[in-house]
C-alpha atoms as a PDB file:
ATOM      1  CA  MET A   1      -0.043   0.048  -0.090  1.00  0.00           C
ATOM      2  CA  ALA A   2       1.497   3.346  -0.973  1.00  0.00           C
ATOM      3  CA  GLN A   3       2.229   5.873   1.800  1.00  0.00           C
ATOM      4  CA  SER A   4       3.901   9.299   1.546  1.00  0.00           C
ATOM      5  CA  VAL A   5       7.457   9.533   3.164  1.00  0.00           C
ATOM      6  CA  LEU A   6       6.385  12.932   4.562  1.00  0.00           C
ATOM      7  CA  SER A   7       3.712  11.320   6.691  1.00  0.00           C
ATOM      8  CA  ALA A   8       6.473   9.995   9.113  1.00  0.00           C
ATOM      9  CA  PRO A   9       5.830  11.584  12.594  1.00  0.00           C
ATOM     10  CA  HIS A  10       9.016  13.848  12.379  1.00  0.00           C
ATOM     11  CA  PHE A  11       7.597  15.548   9.426  1.00  0.00           C
ATOM     12  CA  GLN A  12       4.124  16.203  11.148  1.00  0.00           C
ATOM     13  CA  SER A  13       4.820  16.659  14.778  1.00  0.00           C
ATOM     14  CA  GLU A  14       6.971  19.178  16.446  1.00  0.00           C
ATOM     15  CA  GLU A  15       7.655  16.925  19.422  1.00  0.00           C
ATOM     16  CA  ALA A  16       8.788  14.075  17.181  1.00  0.00           C
ATOM     17  CA  ALA A  17      10.800  16.412  15.130  1.00  0.00           C
ATOM     18  CA  PHE A  18      12.845  17.432  18.129  1.00  0.00           C
ATOM     19  CA  GLU A  19      13.223  13.837  19.131  1.00  0.00           C
ATOM     20  CA  TYR A  20      14.495  12.809  15.635  1.00  0.00           C
ATOM     21  CA  VAL A  21      16.964  15.836  15.598  1.00  0.00           C
ATOM     22  CA  GLU A  22      18.197  15.280  18.801  1.00  0.00           C
ATOM     23  CA  ALA A  23      18.762  11.757  18.084  1.00  0.00           C
ATOM     24  CA  LYS A  24      20.932  12.667  15.098  1.00  0.00           C
ATOM     25  CA  LEU A  25      22.930  15.540  16.510  1.00  0.00           C
ATOM     26  CA  TRP A  26      23.066  14.229  20.183  1.00  0.00           C
ATOM     27  CA  PRO A  27      23.718  10.554  19.875  1.00  0.00           C
ATOM     28  CA  ASN A  28      25.245  10.374  23.189  1.00  0.00           C
ATOM     29  CA  GLY A  29      22.835  12.727  24.916  1.00  0.00           C
ATOM     30  CA  PRO A  30      22.397  16.413  25.121  1.00  0.00           C
ATOM     31  CA  THR A  31      25.461  18.771  25.228  1.00  0.00           C
ATOM     32  CA  CYS A  32      24.941  22.443  26.455  1.00  0.00           C
ATOM     33  CA  PRO A  33      25.979  24.698  23.566  1.00  0.00           C
ATOM     34  CA  HIS A  34      26.970  27.585  26.347  1.00  0.00           C
ATOM     35  CA  CYS A  35      29.304  25.724  28.527  1.00  0.00           C
ATOM     36  CA  GLY A  36      30.035  22.272  26.901  1.00  0.00           C
ATOM     37  CA  ASN A  37      28.452  20.290  29.845  1.00  0.00           C
ATOM     38  CA  ALA A  38      27.431  16.831  28.633  1.00  0.00           C
ATOM     39  CA  ASP A  39      26.611  15.267  31.944  1.00  0.00           C
ATOM     40  CA  ALA A  40      22.938  13.970  31.584  1.00  0.00           C
ATOM     41  CA  ALA A  41      22.449  14.244  35.278  1.00  0.00           C
ATOM     42  CA  ARG A  42      23.216  18.001  35.214  1.00  0.00           C
ATOM     43  CA  ILE A  43      20.890  18.634  32.199  1.00  0.00           C
ATOM     44  CA  GLY A  44      17.294  18.889  32.682  1.00  0.00           C
ATOM     45  CA  ARG A  45      14.123  18.928  30.339  1.00  0.00           C
ATOM     46  CA  LEU A  46      11.761  21.712  30.901  1.00  0.00           C
ATOM     47  CA  GLN A  47       8.105  20.587  30.676  1.00  0.00           C
ATOM     48  CA  GLY A  48       5.689  23.479  31.698  1.00  0.00           C
ATOM     49  CA  LYS A  49       2.465  23.887  29.872  1.00  0.00           C
ATOM     50  CA  THR A  50       3.784  26.983  28.109  1.00  0.00           C
ATOM     51  CA  THR A  51       7.352  25.674  27.562  1.00  0.00           C
ATOM     52  CA  ARG A  52       8.380  25.449  23.821  1.00  0.00           C
ATOM     53  CA  PRO A  53       9.305  21.934  22.490  1.00  0.00           C
ATOM     54  CA  GLY A  54      12.774  20.650  23.088  1.00  0.00           C
ATOM     55  CA  LEU A  55      13.747  23.065  25.806  1.00  0.00           C
ATOM     56  CA  ARG A  56      16.384  22.059  28.403  1.00  0.00           C
ATOM     57  CA  LYS A  57      18.270  23.689  31.187  1.00  0.00           C
ATOM     58  CA  CYS A  58      21.980  23.175  31.873  1.00  0.00           C
ATOM     59  CA  TYR A  59      22.561  23.166  35.717  1.00  0.00           C
ATOM     60  CA  GLU A  60      26.260  23.835  35.144  1.00  0.00           C
ATOM     61  CA  CYS A  61      25.896  27.364  33.702  1.00  0.00           C
ATOM     62  CA  LYS A  62      22.130  27.896  34.475  1.00  0.00           C
ATOM     63  CA  LYS A  63      21.157  28.572  30.865  1.00  0.00           C
ATOM     64  CA  PRO A  64      18.318  27.223  28.730  1.00  0.00           C
ATOM     65  CA  PHE A  65      18.969  25.877  25.329  1.00  0.00           C
ATOM     66  CA  THR A  66      17.538  23.497  22.440  1.00  0.00           C
ATOM     67  CA  VAL A  67      19.055  21.279  19.839  1.00  0.00           C
ATOM     68  CA  ARG A  68      18.558  24.214  17.320  1.00  0.00           C
ATOM     69  CA  GLN A  69      21.358  26.373  18.968  1.00  0.00           C
ATOM     70  CA  GLY A  70      24.646  26.249  17.098  1.00  0.00           C
ATOM     71  CA  THR A  71      22.760  25.104  13.883  1.00  0.00           C
ATOM     72  CA  ILE A  72      21.351  26.467  10.814  1.00  0.00           C
ATOM     73  CA  PHE A  73      17.897  26.131  12.723  1.00  0.00           C
ATOM     74  CA  GLU A  74      19.076  28.716  15.326  1.00  0.00           C
ATOM     75  CA  SER A  75      16.786  31.858  15.746  1.00  0.00           C
ATOM     76  CA  SER A  76      14.361  30.491  13.087  1.00  0.00           C
ATOM     77  CA  HIS A  77      10.688  31.001  13.760  1.00  0.00           C
ATOM     78  CA  LEU A  78       9.888  28.190  11.262  1.00  0.00           C
ATOM     79  CA  ALA A  79       8.633  24.955  12.981  1.00  0.00           C
ATOM     80  CA  LEU A  80      11.286  22.349  12.905  1.00  0.00           C
ATOM     81  CA  HIS A  81       9.156  19.645  11.364  1.00  0.00           C
ATOM     82  CA  LEU A  82       8.841  22.063   8.375  1.00  0.00           C
ATOM     83  CA  TRP A  83      12.448  22.465   8.193  1.00  0.00           C
ATOM     84  CA  LEU A  84      12.805  18.748   8.019  1.00  0.00           C
ATOM     85  CA  GLN A  85      10.305  18.489   5.183  1.00  0.00           C
ATOM     86  CA  VAL A  86      12.238  21.010   3.073  1.00  0.00           C
ATOM     87  CA  ILE A  87      15.515  19.141   3.655  1.00  0.00           C
ATOM     88  CA  HIS A  88      14.053  15.860   2.469  1.00  0.00           C
ATOM     89  CA  LEU A  89      12.525  17.652  -0.652  1.00  0.00           C
ATOM     90  CA  MET A  90      15.838  19.297  -1.465  1.00  0.00           C
ATOM     91  CA  CYS A  91      17.663  16.118  -0.927  1.00  0.00           C
ATOM     92  CA  ALA A  92      15.150  13.881  -2.944  1.00  0.00           C
ATOM     93  CA  GLY A  93      14.908  16.257  -6.098  1.00  0.00           C
ATOM     94  CA  LYS A  94      17.789  15.496  -8.394  1.00  0.00           C
ATOM     95  CA  LYS A  95      17.664  18.962  -9.915  1.00  0.00           C
ATOM     96  CA  GLY A  96      16.658  20.989  -6.683  1.00  0.00           C
ATOM     97  CA  ILE A  97      13.485  22.620  -5.675  1.00  0.00           C
ATOM     98  CA  ALA A  98      12.496  26.212  -6.522  1.00  0.00           C
ATOM     99  CA  THR A  99      12.223  28.886  -3.933  1.00  0.00           C
ATOM    100  CA  ARG A 100       8.669  29.798  -5.131  1.00  0.00           C
ATOM    101  CA  GLU A 101       7.574  26.107  -4.861  1.00  0.00           C
ATOM    102  CA  ILE A 102       9.033  26.147  -1.175  1.00  0.00           C
ATOM    103  CA  GLN A 103       7.016  29.401  -0.537  1.00  0.00           C
ATOM    104  CA  ARG A 104       3.698  27.953  -1.870  1.00  0.00           C
ATOM    105  CA  MET A 105       4.255  24.741   0.032  1.00  0.00           C
ATOM    106  CA  LEU A 106       4.880  26.298   3.411  1.00  0.00           C
ATOM    107  CA  GLN A 107       2.663  29.351   2.651  1.00  0.00           C
ATOM    108  CA  CYS A 108       5.402  31.824   3.883  1.00  0.00           C
ATOM    109  CA  SER A 109       7.225  34.797   2.358  1.00  0.00           C
ATOM    110  CA  MET A 110       9.572  34.621  -0.403  1.00  0.00           C
ATOM    111  CA  LYS A 111      12.275  35.886   1.871  1.00  0.00           C
ATOM    112  CA  THR A 112      11.659  33.246   4.400  1.00  0.00           C
ATOM    113  CA  ALA A 113      11.613  30.469   1.578  1.00  0.00           C
ATOM    114  CA  TRP A 114      14.910  31.988  -0.015  1.00  0.00           C
ATOM    115  CA  PHE A 115      16.747  32.160   3.225  1.00  0.00           C
ATOM    116  CA  LEU A 116      15.535  28.903   4.419  1.00  0.00           C
ATOM    117  CA  SER A 117      16.888  27.010   1.199  1.00  0.00           C
ATOM    118  CA  HIS A 118      20.338  28.818   1.299  1.00  0.00           C
ATOM    119  CA  ARG A 119      20.683  27.813   4.914  1.00  0.00           C
ATOM    120  CA  ILE A 120      20.026  24.057   4.036  1.00  0.00           C
ATOM    121  CA  ARG A 121      22.708  24.480   1.157  1.00  0.00           C
ATOM    122  CA  GLU A 122      25.001  25.563   3.895  1.00  0.00           C
ATOM    123  CA  ALA A 123      24.471  22.458   5.633  1.00  0.00           C
ATOM    124  CA  MET A 124      25.084  20.456   2.528  1.00  0.00           C
ATOM    125  CA  ALA A 125      28.498  22.203   1.959  1.00  0.00           C
ATOM    126  CA  PRO A 126      31.615  20.165   3.221  1.00  0.00           C
ATOM    127  CA  HIS A 127      33.412  21.244   6.415  1.00  0.00           C
ATOM    128  CA  ASP A 128      36.890  22.707   5.909  1.00  0.00           C
ATOM    129  CA  GLY A 129      39.916  20.315   6.000  1.00  0.00           C
ATOM    130  CA  THR A 130      38.553  17.533   3.809  1.00  0.00           C
ATOM    131  CA  GLU A 131      41.104  15.026   2.519  1.00  0.00           C
ATOM    132  CA  PRO A 132      42.339  15.341  -1.052  1.00  0.00           C
ATOM    133  CA  MET A 133      40.720  13.183  -3.763  1.00  0.00           C
ATOM    134  CA  GLY A 134      42.294  10.476  -5.824  1.00  0.00           C
ATOM    135  CA  GLY A 135      45.407   8.261  -5.395  1.00  0.00           C
ATOM    136  CA  ALA A 136      47.350   5.628  -6.901  1.00  0.00           C
ATOM    137  CA  GLY A 137      45.303   4.096  -9.704  1.00  0.00           C
ATOM    138  CA  VAL A 138      42.341   6.411  -9.050  1.00  0.00           C
ATOM    139  CA  VAL A 139      40.957   8.391 -12.060  1.00  0.00           C
ATOM    140  CA  VAL A 140      39.785  11.886 -11.691  1.00  0.00           C
ATOM    141  CA  GLU A 141      38.372  13.944 -14.462  1.00  0.00           C
ATOM    142  CA  ALA A 142      38.763  17.746 -14.481  1.00  0.00           C
ATOM    143  CA  ASP A 143      36.979  20.267 -16.696  1.00  0.00           C
ATOM    144  CA  GLU A 144      35.180  23.745 -16.652  1.00  0.00           C
ATOM    145  CA  THR A 145      31.885  24.833 -17.782  1.00  0.00           C
ATOM    146  CA  TYR A 146      29.985  28.039 -18.249  1.00  0.00           C
ATOM    147  CA  VAL A 147      26.760  28.857 -16.339  1.00  0.00           C
ATOM    148  CA  GLY A 148      24.524  31.623 -17.687  1.00  0.00           C
ATOM    149  CA  GLY A 149      21.949  32.557 -20.294  1.00  0.00           C
ATOM    150  CA  LYS A 150      22.826  32.669 -24.249  1.00  0.00           C
ATOM    151  CA  GLU A 151      23.501  35.989 -25.590  1.00  0.00           C
ATOM    152  CA  LYS A 152      20.812  35.343 -28.391  1.00  0.00           C
ATOM    153  CA  ASN A 153      18.156  35.005 -25.577  1.00  0.00           C
ATOM    154  CA  LYS A 154      18.771  38.466 -24.256  1.00  0.00           C
ATOM    155  CA  HIS A 155      16.712  41.552 -25.104  1.00  0.00           C
ATOM    156  CA  ARG A 156      18.126  43.057 -28.375  1.00  0.00           C
ATOM    157  CA  SER A 157      19.257  46.353 -26.501  1.00  0.00           C
ATOM    158  CA  LYS A 158      21.386  44.285 -23.979  1.00  0.00           C
ATOM    159  CA  ARG A 159      23.003  41.835 -26.484  1.00  0.00           C
ATOM    160  CA  ASP A 160      26.908  42.217 -26.992  1.00  0.00           C
ATOM    161  CA  PRO A 161      27.285  42.674 -30.743  1.00  0.00           C
ATOM    162  CA  ASN A 162      30.784  41.093 -30.520  1.00  0.00           C
ATOM    163  CA  PRO A 163      30.624  38.672 -27.765  1.00  0.00           C
ATOM    164  CA  LYS A 164      34.199  37.170 -26.721  1.00  0.00           C
ATOM    165  CA  GLY A 165      35.315  34.536 -24.353  1.00  0.00           C
ATOM    166  CA  LYS A 166      32.913  33.592 -21.538  1.00  0.00           C
ATOM    167  CA  GLY A 167      31.030  36.958 -21.858  1.00  0.00           C
ATOM    168  CA  ASP A 168      28.889  37.577 -18.662  1.00  0.00           C
ATOM    169  CA  LYS A 169      28.710  33.932 -17.847  1.00  0.00           C
ATOM    170  CA  GLU A 170      30.314  32.384 -14.635  1.00  0.00           C
ATOM    171  CA  ILE A 171      32.718  29.690 -14.826  1.00  0.00           C
ATOM    172  CA  VAL A 172      32.508  26.508 -12.655  1.00  0.00           C
ATOM    173  CA  PHE A 173      35.556  24.133 -12.494  1.00  0.00           C
ATOM    174  CA  SER A 174      34.774  20.634 -11.142  1.00  0.00           C
ATOM    175  CA  LEU A 175      36.741  17.488 -10.314  1.00  0.00           C
ATOM    176  CA  VAL A 176      35.191  14.082 -10.224  1.00  0.00           C
ATOM    177  CA  GLU A 177      36.197  10.575  -9.283  1.00  0.00           C
ATOM    178  CA  ARG A 178      34.979   7.965 -11.584  1.00  0.00           C
ATOM    179  CA  GLY A 179      32.420   6.036  -9.554  1.00  0.00           C
ATOM    180  CA  GLY A 180      33.070   8.510  -6.447  1.00  0.00           C
ATOM    181  CA  ARG A 181      32.662  12.126  -5.420  1.00  0.00           C
ATOM    182  CA  VAL A 182      32.724  15.410  -7.039  1.00  0.00           C
ATOM    183  CA  ARG A 183      33.972  18.769  -5.916  1.00  0.00           C
ATOM    184  CA  SER A 184      33.217  22.188  -7.623  1.00  0.00           C
ATOM    185  CA  ARG A 185      34.457  25.657  -7.474  1.00  0.00           C
ATOM    186  CA  HIS A 186      33.204  29.093  -8.709  1.00  0.00           C
ATOM    187  CA  VAL A 187      36.400  30.499 -10.548  1.00  0.00           C
ATOM    188  CA  GLN A 188      37.118  33.778 -12.199  1.00  0.00           C
ATOM    189  CA  ASP A 189      38.977  32.417 -15.124  1.00  0.00           C
ATOM    190  CA  VAL A 190      40.526  29.223 -16.585  1.00  0.00           C
ATOM    191  CA  THR A 191      44.164  30.101 -16.565  1.00  0.00           C
ATOM    192  CA  ALA A 192      46.703  27.698 -15.009  1.00  0.00           C
ATOM    193  CA  LYS A 193      47.609  30.419 -12.404  1.00  0.00           C
ATOM    194  CA  THR A 194      43.826  30.067 -11.103  1.00  0.00           C
ATOM    195  CA  LEU A 195      43.427  26.147 -11.560  1.00  0.00           C
ATOM    196  CA  ARG A 196      46.824  24.921 -10.522  1.00  0.00           C
ATOM    197  CA  PRO A 197      46.490  25.808  -6.781  1.00  0.00           C
ATOM    198  CA  ILE A 198      43.051  23.924  -6.881  1.00  0.00           C
ATOM    199  CA  LEU A 199      44.399  20.933  -8.455  1.00  0.00           C
ATOM    200  CA  HIS A 200      47.361  20.845  -5.840  1.00  0.00           C
ATOM    201  CA  GLU A 201      45.180  21.254  -2.909  1.00  0.00           C
ATOM    202  CA  GLN A 202      42.305  18.850  -3.982  1.00  0.00           C
ATOM    203  CA  LEU A 203      44.063  15.916  -5.645  1.00  0.00           C
ATOM    204  CA  LYS A 204      46.776  13.678  -4.721  1.00  0.00           C
ATOM    205  CA  ARG A 205      49.735  13.636  -6.728  1.00  0.00           C
ATOM    206  CA  SER A 206      49.560   9.920  -7.689  1.00  0.00           C
ATOM    207  CA  THR A 207      46.119  10.554  -9.295  1.00  0.00           C
ATOM    208  CA  ARG A 208      45.539   9.514 -12.773  1.00  0.00           C
ATOM    209  CA  LEU A 209      44.201  12.822 -14.025  1.00  0.00           C
ATOM    210  CA  MET A 210      41.951  13.119 -17.229  1.00  0.00           C
ATOM    211  CA  THR A 211      41.176  16.532 -19.063  1.00  0.00           C
ATOM    212  CA  ASP A 212      40.321  17.695 -22.532  1.00  0.00           C
ATOM    213  CA  ASP A 213      42.824  19.696 -24.476  1.00  0.00           C
ATOM    214  CA  GLY A 214      41.980  23.099 -22.943  1.00  0.00           C
ATOM    215  CA  VAL A 215      44.859  25.663 -22.997  1.00  0.00           C
ATOM    216  CA  TRP A 216      45.245  25.577 -19.188  1.00  0.00           C
ATOM    217  CA  ASN A 217      45.644  21.747 -18.914  1.00  0.00           C
ATOM    218  CA  LYS A 218      49.184  21.082 -19.886  1.00  0.00           C
ATOM    219  CA  SER A 219      50.714  23.818 -17.470  1.00  0.00           C
ATOM    220  CA  ALA A 220      48.256  23.445 -14.512  1.00  0.00           C
ATOM    221  CA  ALA A 221      48.558  19.625 -14.535  1.00  0.00           C
ATOM    222  CA  SER A 222      52.253  19.349 -14.751  1.00  0.00           C
ATOM    223  CA  HIS A 223      52.391  18.472 -11.088  1.00  0.00           C
ATOM    224  CA  PHE A 224      50.709  14.980 -11.590  1.00  0.00           C
ATOM    225  CA  ARG A 225      52.639  11.881 -12.805  1.00  0.00           C
ATOM    226  CA  HIS A 226      49.876  10.630 -14.910  1.00  0.00           C
ATOM    227  CA  HIS A 227      47.925  13.137 -17.015  1.00  0.00           C
ATOM    228  CA  GLU A 228      46.067  12.049 -20.064  1.00  0.00           C
ATOM    229  CA  THR A 229      44.015  14.202 -22.466  1.00  0.00           C
ATOM    230  CA  VAL A 230      41.153  13.873 -25.280  1.00  0.00           C
ATOM    231  CA  ASN A 231      41.410  16.359 -28.114  1.00  0.00           C
ATOM    232  CA  HIS A 232      37.761  17.540 -28.454  1.00  0.00           C
ATOM    233  CA  HIS A 233      38.811  19.784 -31.222  1.00  0.00           C
ATOM    234  CA  ILE A 234      39.464  16.977 -33.716  1.00  0.00           C
ATOM    235  CA  GLY A 235      36.344  15.089 -32.535  1.00  0.00           C
ATOM    236  CA  GLU A 236      38.088  12.735 -30.179  1.00  0.00           C
ATOM    237  CA  TYR A 237      35.950  12.110 -27.040  1.00  0.00           C
ATOM    238  CA  VAL A 238      36.926   8.665 -26.022  1.00  0.00           C
ATOM    239  CA  ARG A 239      40.523   6.817 -26.304  1.00  0.00           C
ATOM    240  CA  GLY A 240      40.180   3.477 -24.509  1.00  0.00           C
ATOM    241  CA  ASN A 241      39.198   4.564 -21.089  1.00  0.00           C
ATOM    242  CA  VAL A 242      40.566   8.169 -21.332  1.00  0.00           C
ATOM    243  CA  HIS A 243      37.640  10.486 -21.476  1.00  0.00           C
ATOM    244  CA  THR A 244      35.619  13.367 -19.582  1.00  0.00           C
ATOM    245  CA  ASN A 245      32.392  11.947 -20.065  1.00  0.00           C
ATOM    246  CA  THR A 246      31.787  11.427 -16.358  1.00  0.00           C
ATOM    247  CA  ILE A 247      32.194  15.170 -15.530  1.00  0.00           C
ATOM    248  CA  GLU A 248      30.224  16.183 -18.605  1.00  0.00           C
ATOM    249  CA  SER A 249      27.375  14.014 -17.265  1.00  0.00           C
ATOM    250  CA  PHE A 250      27.623  15.902 -13.690  1.00  0.00           C
ATOM    251  CA  PHE A 251      27.636  19.156 -15.694  1.00  0.00           C
ATOM    252  CA  ALA A 252      24.471  18.173 -17.577  1.00  0.00           C
ATOM    253  CA  ILE A 253      22.701  17.596 -14.120  1.00  0.00           C
ATOM    254  CA  LEU A 254      24.045  21.072 -12.866  1.00  0.00           C
ATOM    255  CA  LYS A 255      22.921  22.999 -16.002  1.00  0.00           C
ATOM    256  CA  ARG A 256      19.526  21.373 -16.156  1.00  0.00           C
ATOM    257  CA  GLY A 257      18.900  22.232 -12.467  1.00  0.00           C
ATOM    258  CA  ILE A 258      19.988  25.867 -12.724  1.00  0.00           C
ATOM    259  CA  ILE A 259      18.052  26.309 -16.188  1.00  0.00           C
ATOM    260  CA  GLY A 260      15.089  24.220 -15.586  1.00  0.00           C
ATOM    261  CA  THR A 261      14.565  24.813 -11.875  1.00  0.00           C
ATOM    262  CA  TYR A 262      16.280  27.930 -10.680  1.00  0.00           C
ATOM    263  CA  HIS A 263      16.165  29.559 -14.183  1.00  0.00           C
ATOM    264  CA  GLY A 264      19.013  31.844 -13.071  1.00  0.00           C
ATOM    265  CA  VAL A 265      21.558  32.280 -10.096  1.00  0.00           C
ATOM    266  CA  SER A 266      23.563  35.149  -9.028  1.00  0.00           C
ATOM    267  CA  ALA A 267      27.381  34.901  -9.143  1.00  0.00           C
ATOM    268  CA  HIS A 268      27.465  36.009  -5.439  1.00  0.00           C
ATOM    269  CA  HIS A 269      25.389  32.750  -4.437  1.00  0.00           C
ATOM    270  CA  LEU A 270      26.673  30.229  -7.021  1.00  0.00           C
ATOM    271  CA  LYS A 271      28.986  28.599  -4.508  1.00  0.00           C
ATOM    272  CA  ARG A 272      25.949  27.568  -2.470  1.00  0.00           C
ATOM    273  CA  TYR A 273      24.153  25.994  -5.343  1.00  0.00           C
ATOM    274  CA  LEU A 274      27.381  24.274  -6.235  1.00  0.00           C
ATOM    275  CA  ALA A 275      27.403  22.772  -2.785  1.00  0.00           C
ATOM    276  CA  GLU A 276      23.868  21.595  -3.233  1.00  0.00           C
ATOM    277  CA  PHE A 277      24.573  19.789  -6.418  1.00  0.00           C
ATOM    278  CA  ASP A 278      27.791  18.380  -5.230  1.00  0.00           C
ATOM    279  CA  PHE A 279      26.126  16.951  -2.155  1.00  0.00           C
ATOM    280  CA  ARG A 280      23.402  15.103  -3.983  1.00  0.00           C
ATOM    281  CA  TYR A 281      26.020  13.597  -6.577  1.00  0.00           C
ATOM    282  CA  ASN A 282      28.241  12.591  -3.750  1.00  0.00           C
ATOM    283  CA  GLU A 283      25.285  10.963  -1.748  1.00  0.00           C
ATOM    284  CA  ARG A 284      23.648   9.472  -4.817  1.00  0.00           C
ATOM    285  CA  GLU A 285      21.759   6.078  -5.108  1.00  0.00           C
ATOM    286  CA  ALA A 286      24.517   4.578  -7.192  1.00  0.00           C
ATOM    287  CA  LEU A 287      26.593   4.759  -4.147  1.00  0.00           C
ATOM    288  CA  GLY A 288      24.022   3.201  -1.940  1.00  0.00           C
ATOM    289  CA  VAL A 289      22.414   6.382  -0.564  1.00  0.00           C
ATOM    290  CA  ASP A 290      18.672   6.677  -0.760  1.00  0.00           C
ATOM    291  CA  ASP A 291      16.460   9.805  -0.365  1.00  0.00           C
ATOM    292  CA  THR A 292      16.140   9.294   3.483  1.00  0.00           C
ATOM    293  CA  MET A 293      19.760   8.516   4.056  1.00  0.00           C
ATOM    294  CA  ARG A 294      20.777  11.449   1.978  1.00  0.00           C
ATOM    295  CA  ALA A 295      18.392  13.824   4.151  1.00  0.00           C
ATOM    296  CA  GLU A 296      19.842  12.288   7.334  1.00  0.00           C
ATOM    297  CA  ARG A 297      23.244  13.119   6.177  1.00  0.00           C
ATOM    298  CA  ALA A 298      22.223  16.663   5.134  1.00  0.00           C
ATOM    299  CA  LEU A 299      20.954  17.045   8.816  1.00  0.00           C
ATOM    300  CA  ILE A 300      24.283  15.993  10.419  1.00  0.00           C
ATOM    301  CA  GLY A 301      25.825  18.909   8.457  1.00  0.00           C
ATOM    302  CA  VAL A 302      23.659  21.584  10.356  1.00  0.00           C
ATOM    303  CA  LYS A 303      26.110  21.797  13.228  1.00  0.00           C
ATOM    304  CA  GLY A 304      28.341  24.578  13.552  1.00  0.00           C
ATOM    305  CA  LYS A 305      26.815  26.194  10.578  1.00  0.00           C
ATOM    306  CA  ARG A 306      25.073  29.373  11.971  1.00  0.00           C
ATOM    307  CA  LEU A 307      24.118  31.563   9.130  1.00  0.00           C
ATOM    308  CA  THR A 308      22.189  34.851   9.410  1.00  0.00           C
ATOM    309  CA  TYR A 309      20.392  36.725   6.435  1.00  0.00           C
ATOM    310  CA  ALA A 310      22.948  39.544   6.600  1.00  0.00           C
ATOM    311  CA  THR A 311      25.913  37.050   6.299  1.00  0.00           C
ATOM    312  CA  THR A 312      24.081  35.241   3.392  1.00  0.00           C
ATOM    313  CA  GLY A 313      23.971  38.482   1.471  1.00  0.00           C
ATOM    314  CA  GLY A 314      20.225  38.637   1.316  1.00  0.00           C
ATOM    315  CA  THR A 315      20.024  41.773  -0.706  1.00  0.00           C
ATOM    316  CA  GLN A 316      21.704  40.079  -3.750  1.00  0.00           C
ATOM    317  CA  ALA A 317      19.200  37.178  -3.890  1.00  0.00           C
ATOM    318  CA  LYS A 318      18.213  36.145  -7.580  1.00  0.00           C
ATOM    319  CA  ALA A 319      16.929  32.665  -7.129  1.00  0.00           C
END
């Protein structure tokens, strides 16, 4: 018998939502965000008739707290079970979910829906200090793509009569392990000076690197022992197992999401949209991760990622 995933208790009840989030973020019991006390005997649950759900008190520092504090949920007036619904929908949709759709579903303001989705993207972003990708015998493909509208689709008065280079499009540079993970960056250009530090930081030197014949490749990839290319200019796309088809497939998903779901994103916020698409690709079903597991992993990422409307750059919203 069919049953909606969103009928689960933590999507419908605020009390169940707090229990669910506490179990994921406090697997060893509650910890006071003010003083760090984790002694269960010195932390009490407040249960008055007018007490809000999930409220506890630390008897070391005498301060109240909930599991929301120190996370993307902090200072939000939106019910926690509604947060969990949106996290699940953003994780389940391969190409994302539009801000307007979230607004209609929650019957909230556009500003609330926009800020909500950006905080969830922040939770999806990896923490600093992640290990380099690749390694001996591991194939990593590297390439760039351009995000933005076509010149011919602009109003006649706004078209550049002699477009050159990337025009006003934004550049995305990505690295993808075959059968593994992807990492994407918003970059200003595709020169060796810009891309070499990214390659050196994100990849192990023993990685088998594969690229196309772009002008940056030879110089930027000189650090690697194994670097192979395909020459797209002469129609060569596959030579044995040398190709960049994996990363082209990722770019196809990214562009379908930006064009079909979001329609347009500002350069200021592009990095967060890249974090969203990277996260879903890295936690995909081919790697044994279903929608529920993916949402749980996004939830784990909310810790330590407090984000305010001002630091998000709300005045520059576009999608």
